[in-house]
Each structure stands twice: as C-alpha cells, then as structure tokens.
Amino acid sequence: MRSEHVYRALTRIPNRFRLCQATARVTRVTHMPQTRTEDTVNNVLGDISKGKHGNVFEPVAIKPTPALDIITF
C-alpha cells in the first residue's frame, strides 16, 4: 500500500511538503513511458525510505542583524 511507503519515507524526510516535492522531482526524472506513474511513485517512495536519494536538510534559521538606532559619520 502506498500509505506504508509514505510513512517509511517520512522517517528520512519528516516534513510532508518537502517529501511531496522530493517525490515529484525524482518521479519526473526516473519515470519511463512504458510504466505506470503509480508504480514509479511507489518505487521512488521506497528508494527515499532506503536513503538512495539523499536527505533533505531543513534550513537553519538566521538571526536578524541588530538594528542601528543612530548612525553617525
């Protein structure tokens, strides 16, 4: 079942939105016209859960620079 593939892939990419993006990108690259798209998506989710397509890193929050109240020259 596809839901099992999704839950396994969520262990590698915990953010569902990023998992969807990664799955769509890899599916576009690896899909062959002779196969069903559903089978390709299932294979991609399986590959992501095995770690074949790398990890998606969450961006690190950057602290804003402190505001300068008075600028003197």
Protein backbone atom coordinates (compact mmCIF):
# COMPACT_ATOMS: atom_id res chain seq x y z
CA MET A 1 0.00 0.00 0.00
CA ARG A 2 1.20 3.47 -0.78
CA SER A 3 0.49 4.75 2.75
CA GLU A 4 3.10 2.32 4.09
CA HIS A 5 5.63 3.70 1.59
CA VAL A 6 4.80 7.25 2.66
CA TYR A 7 5.21 6.51 6.37
CA ARG A 8 8.53 4.79 5.75
CA ALA A 9 9.75 7.73 3.64
CA LEU A 10 8.70 10.15 6.40
CA THR A 11 11.49 8.69 8.56
CA ARG A 12 14.01 10.20 6.10
CA ILE A 13 12.15 13.41 5.22
CA PRO A 14 9.88 14.32 8.17
CA ASN A 15 8.32 17.38 6.52
CA ARG A 16 5.40 16.17 4.36
CA PHE A 17 5.59 19.13 2.00
CA ARG A 18 9.29 18.51 1.31
CA LEU A 19 8.61 14.79 0.92
CA CYS A 20 5.99 15.59 -1.71
CA GLN A 21 8.40 17.91 -3.54
CA ALA A 22 11.23 15.39 -3.46
CA THR A 23 8.94 12.59 -4.63
CA ALA A 24 7.63 14.66 -7.53
CA ARG A 25 11.13 15.68 -8.65
CA VAL A 26 12.55 12.17 -8.54
CA THR A 27 9.43 10.76 -10.21
CA ARG A 28 9.83 13.16 -13.14
CA VAL A 29 13.45 12.15 -13.57
CA THR A 30 13.05 8.38 -13.23
CA HIS A 31 9.68 7.78 -14.92
CA MET A 32 9.75 5.65 -18.07
CA PRO A 33 6.89 5.96 -20.59
CA GLN A 34 6.22 2.21 -20.66
CA THR A 35 5.42 2.03 -16.92
CA ARG A 36 2.51 3.30 -14.88
CA THR A 37 3.10 6.52 -12.98
CA GLU A 38 1.71 4.90 -9.83
CA ASP A 39 4.41 2.22 -9.94
CA THR A 40 7.11 4.84 -10.43
CA VAL A 41 5.87 6.83 -7.42
CA ASN A 42 5.83 3.69 -5.28
CA ASN A 43 9.39 2.86 -6.35
CA VAL A 44 10.54 6.41 -5.61
CA LEU A 45 8.99 6.37 -2.14
CA GLY A 46 10.69 3.05 -1.48
CA ASP A 47 14.02 4.46 -2.65
CA ILE A 48 13.63 7.53 -0.45
CA SER A 49 12.90 5.36 2.58
CA LYS A 50 16.07 3.36 1.84
CA GLY A 51 18.10 6.57 1.58
CA LYS A 52 19.01 6.28 -2.11
CA HIS A 53 18.05 9.85 -2.96
CA GLY A 54 19.81 11.63 -0.12
CA ASN A 55 18.45 13.52 2.81
CA VAL A 56 16.65 16.83 2.67
CA PHE A 57 18.12 19.26 5.15
CA GLU A 58 15.93 21.78 6.90
CA PRO A 59 17.14 25.36 6.53
CA VAL A 60 18.82 26.87 9.57
CA ALA A 61 17.16 29.97 10.97
CA ILE A 62 19.37 33.02 10.54
CA LYS A 63 19.33 35.60 13.30
CA PRO A 64 18.48 39.09 12.07
CA THR A 65 21.18 41.71 12.42
CA PRO A 66 20.60 44.16 15.25
CA ALA A 67 19.09 47.45 14.22
CA LEU A 68 21.26 50.54 14.43
CA ASP A 69 19.42 53.33 16.19
CA ILE A 70 21.80 56.15 15.35
CA ILE A 71 24.29 56.26 12.52
CA THR A 72 26.99 58.88 12.90
CA PHE A 73 29.65 59.83 10.41
